[in-house]
Amino acid sequence: MVFKRLLGSFGVGGPTVDTVLDPGPARPGGALTGQVHLEGGQADFDVEHLTLELVARVEAEHAEGESEGVVAFERFTVGGGFRLAAGQRHSVPFSVTLPWETPVTELHGQQLGIVLGVRTELAVAGARDKGDLDPLCVAPLPVQEAILEAFGQLGFGFRSADLEYGHIAGTGQRLPFYQEIELTPAPRYAHQVNEIEVTFLAGPGGVEVVLEADKRGGLFSGGHDALARFTVGHHDTRDWNAEVDAWVRQLTEHRAAYGHQGVHGHGAPYAVHDHHDHGGHHGHGGERRSGPGAGTAIAAGAAGLAVGVVGGMVAAEVVDEVGDFFEGDEEGGED
């Protein structure tokens, strides 16, 4: 679905823009390709620049509660410096590289409820308008997919996924937000944890896997969170079921206080700690930034990871949510 409208900043008779992404999902760190189709208006215009902006719907927590909004996390100039004659049709092909930490929106074609978009900005004669918006679909990297499939085969279920505004302490995170994939526990762990959250922080050299367990409280103690971080290579070949099961056992059984316990190595965590939850969800590592322009992924129930695949679709139609949310955001008074 392509969201196309007249560029309001240029008035009636101004040029229009229609960005069409190539079919199929992109991948973190991979190429995003397509074409920007322009159609001239009732007069000639000098196109100063043509820019693609990656935007995400992100959730933020702060003292007043939660807020939601749009965060722009990358911009690419893909053209400019040419004249668009009245009524002329002109296409600009592009190929840009997505950030490694771009969130995953689908698994085996099933939507996870994450809302990303590509917004096209056209600058003409000193005026600019964000005149086209397209939903961005991102599939996981092979190692991310293998880890999620292992969780599914071990009996964990998919609960939800969202984007959290803030930074996970002690990681190499670069974007101003991170993705949390929330899983229901496998039966063997159900007496120990309420849920496990998985975050992938990919980079050129590999992927940091951050796991957080919401632990159940005992007879004489309250519930608390445990956090573990692991590093994997893009081309690692492991028995992922055994590897992930070992990660979860280490996460759920660890009782150490704050501090770095592990060392870098094959399958070894470089940090494991527990922390008590004194009300509210603090996010990975307890560190969070907040501010204007933060937001949330759509609230939608989805069935579980089962035998390595997502077993259900999100309740809302994600593509429709992309248009409704981002178009509403633009009407909310962007410059």
Protein backbone atom coordinates (compact mmCIF):
# COMPACT_ATOMS: atom_id res chain seq x y z
CA MET A 1 0.00 0.00 0.00
CA VAL A 2 1.31 3.43 -0.96
CA PHE A 3 0.16 6.58 0.78
CA LYS A 4 0.09 9.32 -1.84
CA ARG A 5 -1.22 12.83 -1.52
CA LEU A 6 -0.81 16.27 -3.02
CA LEU A 7 2.10 18.13 -1.54
CA GLY A 8 0.19 20.63 0.54
CA SER A 9 3.10 22.99 1.11
CA PHE A 10 3.18 23.77 -2.60
CA GLY A 11 -0.55 24.39 -2.91
CA VAL A 12 -2.96 23.19 -5.55
CA GLY A 13 -1.16 22.41 -8.77
CA GLY A 14 2.09 21.47 -7.06
CA PRO A 15 4.13 18.33 -7.83
CA THR A 16 3.28 14.94 -6.35
CA VAL A 17 5.57 12.17 -5.13
CA ASP A 18 4.97 8.43 -4.99
CA THR A 19 7.67 6.19 -3.50
CA VAL A 20 7.47 2.50 -4.36
CA LEU A 21 9.68 0.07 -2.46
CA ASP A 22 10.83 -3.09 -4.22
CA PRO A 23 8.83 -6.20 -3.21
CA GLY A 24 9.84 -8.32 -0.26
CA PRO A 25 11.12 -7.45 3.20
CA ALA A 26 14.48 -5.79 3.78
CA ARG A 27 16.93 -6.98 6.45
CA PRO A 28 18.90 -5.09 9.10
CA GLY A 29 22.18 -3.85 7.64
CA GLY A 30 20.94 -4.71 4.15
CA ALA A 31 19.80 -2.74 1.12
CA LEU A 32 16.47 -0.97 0.83
CA THR A 33 15.70 -0.40 -2.84
CA GLY A 34 12.94 1.16 -4.87
CA GLN A 35 12.00 4.20 -6.93
CA VAL A 36 10.61 7.64 -6.23
CA HIS A 37 8.12 8.66 -8.91
CA LEU A 38 7.57 12.39 -9.35
CA GLU A 39 4.90 14.13 -11.37
CA GLY A 40 5.18 17.81 -12.16
CA GLY A 41 2.44 20.25 -11.29
CA GLN A 42 1.02 23.18 -13.23
CA ALA A 43 4.36 24.99 -13.35
CA ASP A 44 8.06 24.14 -13.51
CA PHE A 45 9.79 23.44 -10.18
CA ASP A 46 13.46 23.16 -9.23
CA VAL A 47 13.88 20.10 -7.02
CA GLU A 48 16.52 20.93 -4.43
CA HIS A 49 16.64 17.55 -2.72
CA LEU A 50 14.74 14.30 -2.42
CA THR A 51 15.16 12.63 0.97
CA LEU A 52 14.00 9.35 2.49
CA GLU A 53 13.46 9.31 6.25
CA LEU A 54 13.07 6.12 8.27
CA VAL A 55 10.51 6.52 11.05
CA ALA A 56 9.29 4.24 13.82
CA ARG A 57 6.40 4.22 16.24
CA VAL A 58 8.03 4.08 19.67
CA GLU A 59 6.93 3.94 23.29
CA ALA A 60 8.47 6.07 26.04
CA GLU A 61 8.14 5.91 29.82
CA HIS A 62 8.67 8.93 32.04
CA ALA A 63 7.59 10.36 35.36
CA GLU A 64 4.13 11.26 34.08
CA GLY A 65 3.50 7.79 32.65
CA GLU A 66 3.80 6.63 29.05
CA SER A 67 3.70 8.53 25.78
CA GLU A 68 3.87 7.50 22.17
CA GLY A 69 4.88 9.09 18.90
CA VAL A 70 7.15 8.93 15.90
CA VAL A 71 10.95 8.79 16.03
CA ALA A 72 13.00 9.39 12.88
CA PHE A 73 16.11 7.23 13.02
CA GLU A 74 17.85 7.67 9.64
CA ARG A 75 17.81 9.98 6.62
CA PHE A 76 19.12 9.45 3.09
CA THR A 77 19.32 12.04 0.31
CA VAL A 78 18.62 10.12 -2.88
CA GLY A 79 18.35 12.89 -5.47
CA GLY A 80 18.02 16.57 -6.23
CA GLY A 81 19.47 19.39 -8.27
CA PHE A 82 17.15 19.05 -11.28
CA ARG A 83 14.17 20.82 -12.80
CA LEU A 84 10.77 19.09 -12.85
CA ALA A 85 8.81 20.58 -15.74
CA ALA A 86 5.05 21.10 -15.59
CA GLY A 87 3.31 17.76 -15.99
CA GLN A 88 6.62 15.90 -16.38
CA ARG A 89 6.99 12.39 -14.95
CA HIS A 90 10.39 11.55 -13.54
CA SER A 91 11.62 8.51 -11.57
CA VAL A 92 14.60 8.37 -9.22
CA PRO A 93 15.85 4.85 -8.36
CA PHE A 94 17.55 4.39 -4.99
CA SER A 95 19.46 1.84 -2.96
CA VAL A 96 20.27 2.72 0.65
CA THR A 97 21.62 0.65 3.55
CA LEU A 98 19.42 0.14 6.60
CA PRO A 99 20.96 0.59 10.06
CA TRP A 100 22.02 -2.71 11.61
CA GLU A 101 19.68 -2.11 14.55
CA THR A 102 16.59 -1.61 12.38
CA PRO A 103 13.76 -3.44 14.19
CA VAL A 104 12.31 -6.66 12.84
CA THR A 105 8.67 -6.34 11.78
CA GLU A 106 7.92 -9.91 10.66
CA LEU A 107 8.93 -13.53 11.11
CA HIS A 108 8.21 -16.01 8.31
CA GLY A 109 5.83 -13.46 6.81
CA GLN A 110 3.83 -13.06 10.02
CA GLN A 111 3.62 -9.49 11.35
CA LEU A 112 4.94 -8.85 14.88
CA GLY A 113 3.06 -5.57 15.41
CA ILE A 114 6.03 -3.24 14.89
CA VAL A 115 5.26 -0.14 12.82
CA LEU A 116 8.03 1.29 10.63
CA GLY A 117 7.72 3.65 7.69
CA VAL A 118 9.69 5.30 4.91
CA ARG A 119 8.71 8.94 4.56
CA THR A 120 9.68 10.86 1.43
CA GLU A 121 10.55 14.54 1.64
CA LEU A 122 10.67 16.73 -1.46
CA ALA A 123 12.25 20.18 -1.25
CA VAL A 124 11.27 22.63 -3.97
CA ALA A 125 12.10 26.35 -4.19
CA GLY A 126 12.77 26.75 -0.49
CA ALA A 127 9.66 24.83 0.60
CA ARG A 128 9.59 21.19 1.65
CA ASP A 129 6.91 18.65 2.26
CA LYS A 130 6.86 15.08 3.54
CA GLY A 131 4.48 13.97 0.87
CA ASP A 132 4.60 10.18 0.76
CA LEU A 133 4.72 7.44 3.35
CA ASP A 134 5.21 3.71 2.86
CA PRO A 135 5.24 0.88 5.39
CA LEU A 136 8.66 -0.72 5.84
CA CYS A 137 8.83 -4.50 6.30
CA VAL A 138 11.98 -5.96 7.84
CA ALA A 139 12.76 -9.66 8.22
CA PRO A 140 15.29 -10.94 10.77
CA LEU A 141 18.90 -11.73 10.02
CA PRO A 142 19.59 -15.49 9.74
CA VAL A 143 21.10 -15.71 13.23
CA GLN A 144 18.19 -13.73 14.72
CA GLU A 145 15.74 -16.05 13.00
CA ALA A 146 17.60 -19.13 14.24
CA ILE A 147 17.48 -17.88 17.84
CA LEU A 148 13.76 -17.07 17.66
CA GLU A 149 13.04 -20.45 16.10
CA ALA A 150 14.95 -22.12 18.93
CA PHE A 151 12.78 -20.32 21.48
CA GLY A 152 9.73 -21.58 19.64
CA GLN A 153 10.95 -25.16 19.51
CA LEU A 154 11.73 -25.04 23.22
CA GLY A 155 8.08 -24.19 23.92
CA PHE A 156 8.20 -20.40 24.33
CA GLY A 157 5.29 -18.43 22.87
CA PHE A 158 5.15 -15.03 21.21
CA ARG A 159 3.27 -12.51 23.35
CA SER A 160 4.00 -9.12 21.78
CA ALA A 161 6.72 -6.86 20.42
CA ASP A 162 7.31 -3.15 20.83
CA LEU A 163 9.91 -0.41 20.52
CA GLU A 164 11.15 1.24 23.71
CA TYR A 165 12.68 4.71 23.71
CA GLY A 166 15.92 4.67 25.70
CA HIS A 167 19.29 2.96 25.91
CA ILE A 168 20.33 -0.42 27.29
CA ALA A 169 23.27 0.21 29.59
CA GLY A 170 26.50 -1.60 28.84
CA THR A 171 25.75 -2.34 25.19
CA GLY A 172 26.87 -0.93 21.87
CA GLN A 173 23.37 0.33 21.07
CA ARG A 174 23.32 3.17 18.52
CA LEU A 175 19.68 3.94 17.81
CA PRO A 176 17.66 6.00 20.33
CA PHE A 177 15.31 3.05 20.91
CA TYR A 178 15.44 -0.74 21.09
CA GLN A 179 13.08 -3.56 20.24
CA GLU A 180 11.66 -5.93 22.83
CA ILE A 181 10.14 -9.25 21.75
CA GLU A 182 8.13 -10.57 24.68
CA LEU A 183 7.78 -14.35 25.03
CA THR A 184 5.62 -16.47 27.30
CA PRO A 185 7.70 -19.06 29.18
CA ALA A 186 8.07 -22.67 28.10
CA PRO A 187 6.25 -25.04 30.47
CA ARG A 188 9.50 -26.08 32.16
CA TYR A 189 10.18 -22.46 33.15
CA ALA A 190 6.63 -21.33 33.88
CA HIS A 191 7.10 -21.71 37.65
CA GLN A 192 10.18 -19.47 37.53
CA VAL A 193 9.36 -16.60 35.16
CA ASN A 194 6.32 -14.68 33.93
CA GLU A 195 7.90 -13.77 30.61
CA ILE A 196 11.21 -13.36 28.82
CA GLU A 197 12.05 -10.33 26.67
CA VAL A 198 14.52 -10.66 23.80
CA THR A 199 16.39 -7.72 22.26
CA PHE A 200 18.74 -7.96 19.29
CA LEU A 201 21.42 -5.29 18.79
CA ALA A 202 23.05 -6.14 15.48
CA GLY A 203 26.26 -4.69 14.10
CA PRO A 204 28.74 -5.46 11.32
CA GLY A 205 30.63 -7.94 13.51
CA GLY A 206 27.71 -9.85 15.01
CA VAL A 207 24.67 -9.55 17.25
CA GLU A 208 24.29 -8.75 20.93
CA VAL A 209 21.41 -10.75 22.39
CA VAL A 210 19.91 -9.20 25.51
CA LEU A 211 17.57 -11.38 27.57
CA GLU A 212 15.48 -10.15 30.45
CA ALA A 213 13.39 -12.45 32.64
CA ASP A 214 10.49 -11.22 34.73
CA LYS A 215 10.97 -13.64 37.63
CA ARG A 216 8.16 -14.86 39.81
CA GLY A 217 8.29 -14.10 43.52
CA GLY A 218 8.55 -16.77 46.19
CA LEU A 219 6.68 -17.21 49.46
CA PHE A 220 8.93 -14.72 51.26
CA SER A 221 10.23 -12.62 48.38
CA GLY A 222 8.83 -10.40 45.66
CA GLY A 223 9.33 -10.80 41.96
CA HIS A 224 12.32 -9.28 40.24
CA ASP A 225 14.03 -9.03 36.87
CA ALA A 226 17.17 -10.81 35.70
CA LEU A 227 19.25 -9.61 32.76
CA ALA A 228 21.83 -11.39 30.62
CA ARG A 229 23.71 -10.37 27.47
CA PHE A 230 25.37 -12.67 24.95
CA THR A 231 27.29 -12.17 21.71
CA VAL A 232 26.91 -14.26 18.57
CA GLY A 233 28.45 -14.07 15.11
CA HIS A 234 26.45 -13.60 11.94
CA HIS A 235 27.62 -16.94 10.60
CA ASP A 236 27.76 -18.98 13.81
CA THR A 237 26.61 -22.56 13.43
CA ARG A 238 25.50 -23.96 16.76
CA ASP A 239 22.90 -26.27 18.20
CA TRP A 240 20.67 -23.28 18.79
CA ASN A 241 18.09 -25.21 20.81
CA ALA A 242 20.78 -26.28 23.29
CA GLU A 243 22.42 -22.85 23.22
CA VAL A 244 19.22 -20.90 23.91
CA ASP A 245 18.15 -23.38 26.59
CA ALA A 246 21.51 -22.87 28.32
CA TRP A 247 21.05 -19.09 28.13
CA VAL A 248 17.61 -19.32 29.72
CA ARG A 249 18.82 -21.67 32.47
CA GLN A 250 21.66 -19.32 33.27
CA LEU A 251 19.27 -16.37 33.27
CA THR A 252 16.62 -17.97 35.48
CA GLU A 253 18.98 -19.66 37.93
CA HIS A 254 21.45 -16.82 38.42
CA ARG A 255 21.27 -15.13 41.82
CA ALA A 256 24.20 -12.74 41.65
CA ALA A 257 23.84 -9.09 42.53
CA TYR A 258 24.66 -6.27 40.14
CA GLY A 259 27.90 -6.68 38.26
CA HIS A 260 29.63 -8.25 35.32
CA GLN A 261 30.03 -11.96 35.88
CA GLY A 262 30.88 -13.59 32.58
CA VAL A 263 33.67 -13.17 30.08
CA HIS A 264 33.61 -12.77 26.32
CA GLY A 265 33.56 -16.12 24.62
CA HIS A 266 31.59 -18.66 22.66
CA GLY A 267 28.10 -18.54 24.02
CA ALA A 268 29.18 -16.90 27.27
CA PRO A 269 27.34 -13.88 28.68
CA TYR A 270 29.39 -10.77 29.24
CA ALA A 271 27.01 -9.56 31.92
CA VAL A 272 24.42 -11.24 34.09
CA HIS A 273 22.62 -9.58 36.97
CA ASP A 274 19.36 -9.54 38.85
CA HIS A 275 17.51 -6.45 39.94
CA HIS A 276 14.31 -6.03 41.91
CA ASP A 277 11.39 -4.24 40.33
CA HIS A 278 10.16 -1.51 42.67
CA GLY A 279 7.14 -0.71 40.57
CA GLY A 280 6.76 -0.28 36.83
CA HIS A 281 8.83 -1.65 33.98
CA HIS A 282 12.24 -0.05 33.80
CA GLY A 283 13.48 -1.66 30.61
CA HIS A 284 16.75 -3.45 29.95
CA GLY A 285 19.53 -2.37 32.28
CA GLY A 286 17.38 0.12 34.16
CA GLU A 287 18.55 3.05 32.06
CA ARG A 288 16.04 4.98 30.01
CA ARG A 289 15.89 8.25 28.16
CA SER A 290 12.63 10.03 27.50
CA GLY A 291 11.56 13.12 25.67
CA PRO A 292 9.29 14.51 22.97
CA GLY A 293 8.73 12.48 19.86
CA ALA A 294 8.63 9.09 21.57
CA GLY A 295 5.84 6.58 20.95
CA THR A 296 4.60 2.98 20.98
CA ALA A 297 4.05 0.04 18.69
CA ILE A 298 0.46 -0.97 18.11
CA ALA A 299 -1.17 -2.90 20.92
CA ALA A 300 -2.10 -6.18 19.29
CA GLY A 301 -2.36 -9.74 20.52
CA ALA A 302 -0.55 -12.43 18.55
CA ALA A 303 -0.42 -16.15 19.00
CA GLY A 304 2.75 -17.89 20.00
CA LEU A 305 5.98 -19.03 18.52
CA ALA A 306 5.25 -22.68 17.88
CA VAL A 307 7.77 -25.12 16.43
CA GLY A 308 9.88 -22.19 15.42
CA VAL A 309 7.25 -20.11 13.62
CA VAL A 310 4.79 -17.43 14.64
CA GLY A 311 1.46 -19.14 15.10
CA GLY A 312 -0.86 -16.18 14.53
CA MET A 313 -1.37 -12.78 13.00
CA VAL A 314 -1.58 -9.51 14.85
CA ALA A 315 -5.11 -8.50 15.66
CA ALA A 316 -4.95 -5.18 13.80
CA GLU A 317 -4.00 -4.76 10.16
CA VAL A 318 -0.49 -3.36 10.41
CA VAL A 319 -0.44 -1.67 7.02
CA ASP A 320 -3.60 0.28 7.86
CA GLU A 321 -2.11 1.25 11.22
CA VAL A 322 0.98 2.63 9.46
CA GLY A 323 -1.10 5.00 7.37
CA ASP A 324 -3.46 6.03 10.14
CA PHE A 325 -0.71 6.63 12.67
CA PHE A 326 1.86 8.45 10.56
CA GLU A 327 -0.62 10.54 8.59
CA GLY A 328 -2.19 11.56 11.90
CA ASP A 329 1.25 12.47 13.19
CA GLU A 330 1.90 14.74 10.22
CA GLU A 331 -1.38 16.54 10.82
CA GLY A 332 -0.31 17.06 14.41
CA GLY A 333 1.91 19.98 13.52
CA GLU A 334 5.25 18.93 12.15
CA ASP A 335 7.31 21.67 10.60
